[in-house]
Amino acid sequence: MFGPFKPSSTVLGGLLWKIPWRMSRPQKQRQRHRLQQVDKVLKNLNLGLHIQRCEKKGIEFESALQTRKLLKPQVKHLRLLSKASVFPKEREMSYKDKYTFFNKQASGYRKGLHKLPKWTKVSQRRNPKFF
């Protein structure tokens, strides 16, 4: 039991990865910031496509920027990402949806977002209704 071959805590049945059961305040802040950055990218992408379509129609760049209503992008996936029901913005999401995700094995059907593998790389915004 003593010496170089003593059993480690994992061999004795301890946890290898210690993940706290709730997210810390800095983790939540970084998550909100990531969601806002994705929203900015989508907004700039839609604006760029709007300007490109306006220039094809013969409208100048300045007047294309001044228009209140943006032209819909011709790409179907971008039109879907603009809908709040499919891909809501950070400010439209509830607290529960920002920091938890649906999991049918968990009690209460919700699990902390930080327990999702690669949770900083995946945009988890939609959950089933009523969960």
Protein backbone atom coordinates (compact mmCIF):
# COMPACT_ATOMS: atom_id res chain seq x y z
CA MET A 1 0.00 0.00 0.00
CA PHE A 2 2.91 2.35 0.47
CA GLY A 3 5.56 3.33 -2.04
CA PRO A 4 5.43 3.92 -5.80
CA PHE A 5 2.55 1.49 -6.44
CA LYS A 6 0.02 2.81 -3.97
CA PRO A 7 -3.56 2.89 -5.30
CA SER A 8 -4.79 6.21 -6.62
CA SER A 9 -8.17 7.71 -5.83
CA THR A 10 -9.58 6.54 -9.17
CA VAL A 11 -8.49 2.98 -8.51
CA LEU A 12 -10.28 3.15 -5.17
CA GLY A 13 -13.49 4.18 -6.92
CA GLY A 14 -13.18 7.96 -6.76
CA LEU A 15 -14.27 10.31 -9.51
CA LEU A 16 -11.77 10.98 -12.26
CA TRP A 17 -13.44 14.15 -13.57
CA LYS A 18 -14.85 16.34 -10.87
CA ILE A 19 -17.57 18.47 -12.45
CA PRO A 20 -19.53 20.67 -10.04
CA TRP A 21 -23.30 20.22 -10.19
CA ARG A 22 -23.95 23.89 -11.02
CA MET A 23 -22.24 26.42 -13.25
CA SER A 24 -20.21 29.19 -11.66
CA ARG A 25 -20.96 32.87 -12.29
CA PRO A 26 -17.93 33.33 -14.62
CA GLN A 27 -18.97 30.25 -16.62
CA LYS A 28 -22.46 31.70 -17.04
CA GLN A 29 -21.02 35.06 -18.06
CA ARG A 30 -18.78 33.44 -20.68
CA GLN A 31 -21.74 31.41 -21.96
CA ARG A 32 -23.85 34.57 -22.37
CA HIS A 33 -20.94 36.25 -24.14
CA ARG A 34 -20.58 33.28 -26.55
CA LEU A 35 -24.31 33.42 -27.34
CA GLN A 36 -24.07 37.17 -28.00
CA GLN A 37 -21.07 36.66 -30.30
CA VAL A 38 -23.01 34.11 -32.37
CA ASP A 39 -25.90 36.60 -32.58
CA LYS A 40 -23.52 39.29 -33.85
CA VAL A 41 -22.10 36.97 -36.52
CA LEU A 42 -25.60 36.08 -37.77
CA LYS A 43 -26.60 39.76 -37.80
CA ASN A 44 -23.51 40.74 -39.82
CA LEU A 45 -24.00 37.84 -42.21
CA ASN A 46 -27.63 38.82 -42.86
CA LEU A 47 -26.62 42.47 -43.30
CA GLY A 48 -23.90 41.53 -45.79
CA LEU A 49 -26.28 39.38 -47.82
CA HIS A 50 -28.88 42.18 -47.73
CA ILE A 51 -26.34 44.69 -49.10
CA GLN A 52 -25.24 42.23 -51.77
CA ARG A 53 -28.84 41.71 -52.96
CA CYS A 54 -29.48 45.48 -52.90
CA GLU A 55 -26.39 46.14 -55.03
CA LYS A 56 -27.60 43.53 -57.54
CA LYS A 57 -30.87 45.46 -57.77
CA GLY A 58 -28.98 48.72 -58.33
CA ILE A 59 -29.40 50.27 -54.87
CA GLU A 60 -26.36 52.08 -53.49
CA PHE A 61 -24.45 50.89 -50.41
CA GLU A 62 -25.45 53.85 -48.18
CA SER A 63 -29.13 53.59 -49.03
CA ALA A 64 -28.99 49.81 -48.52
CA LEU A 65 -27.68 50.42 -44.99
CA GLN A 66 -30.39 53.01 -44.31
CA THR A 67 -33.30 50.71 -45.15
CA ARG A 68 -35.25 49.58 -42.10
CA LYS A 69 -36.39 46.20 -43.37
CA LEU A 70 -33.69 43.83 -44.56
CA LEU A 71 -34.24 41.72 -47.64
CA LYS A 72 -34.59 38.04 -46.84
CA PRO A 73 -31.53 35.94 -47.67
CA GLN A 74 -32.03 33.52 -50.53
CA VAL A 75 -30.29 30.74 -48.61
CA LYS A 76 -32.96 28.68 -46.82
CA HIS A 77 -30.79 27.79 -43.81
CA LEU A 78 -30.04 31.45 -43.09
CA ARG A 79 -33.74 32.27 -43.27
CA LEU A 80 -34.38 29.56 -40.70
CA LEU A 81 -31.63 30.89 -38.42
CA SER A 82 -33.28 34.30 -38.50
CA LYS A 83 -36.53 32.91 -37.04
CA ALA A 84 -36.80 33.23 -33.27
CA SER A 85 -38.69 29.94 -32.97
CA VAL A 86 -35.84 28.00 -34.59
CA PHE A 87 -32.78 29.89 -33.34
CA PRO A 88 -33.64 32.43 -30.61
CA LYS A 89 -31.32 35.30 -29.75
CA GLU A 90 -29.60 35.41 -26.36
CA ARG A 91 -31.91 38.09 -25.00
CA GLU A 92 -34.99 36.08 -26.07
CA MET A 93 -33.89 32.90 -24.29
CA SER A 94 -35.04 32.04 -20.80
CA TYR A 95 -32.59 31.47 -17.98
CA LYS A 96 -33.39 27.76 -18.08
CA ASP A 97 -32.58 27.47 -21.79
CA LYS A 98 -29.30 29.39 -21.53
CA TYR A 99 -27.74 27.20 -18.85
CA THR A 100 -29.45 23.80 -19.11
CA PHE A 101 -30.36 21.38 -21.87
CA PHE A 102 -32.95 18.62 -22.27
CA ASN A 103 -31.85 15.16 -21.19
CA LYS A 104 -34.37 12.33 -21.01
CA GLN A 105 -32.28 10.35 -18.49
CA ALA A 106 -31.95 13.20 -15.96
CA SER A 107 -34.48 13.72 -13.21
CA GLY A 108 -36.58 16.72 -14.17
CA TYR A 109 -35.45 16.18 -17.78
CA ARG A 110 -32.83 18.94 -17.54
CA LYS A 111 -29.07 18.82 -17.13
CA GLY A 112 -26.50 21.56 -16.63
CA LEU A 113 -25.06 22.80 -19.91
CA HIS A 114 -21.52 22.42 -18.58
CA LYS A 115 -22.04 18.64 -18.45
CA LEU A 116 -22.62 18.48 -22.22
CA PRO A 117 -19.44 17.32 -24.02
CA LYS A 118 -17.76 20.23 -25.83
CA TRP A 119 -20.42 22.62 -24.50
CA THR A 120 -18.33 25.67 -25.40
CA LYS A 121 -18.27 24.68 -29.08
CA VAL A 122 -21.92 23.63 -29.54
CA SER A 123 -24.75 26.13 -29.85
CA GLN A 124 -27.49 24.48 -27.80
CA ARG A 125 -30.46 26.86 -28.11
CA ARG A 126 -33.55 24.79 -28.78
CA ASN A 127 -35.14 22.38 -26.37
CA PRO A 128 -38.42 20.44 -26.61
CA LYS A 129 -41.50 22.42 -25.62
CA PHE A 130 -42.72 22.16 -22.03
CA PHE A 131 -39.39 20.84 -20.68
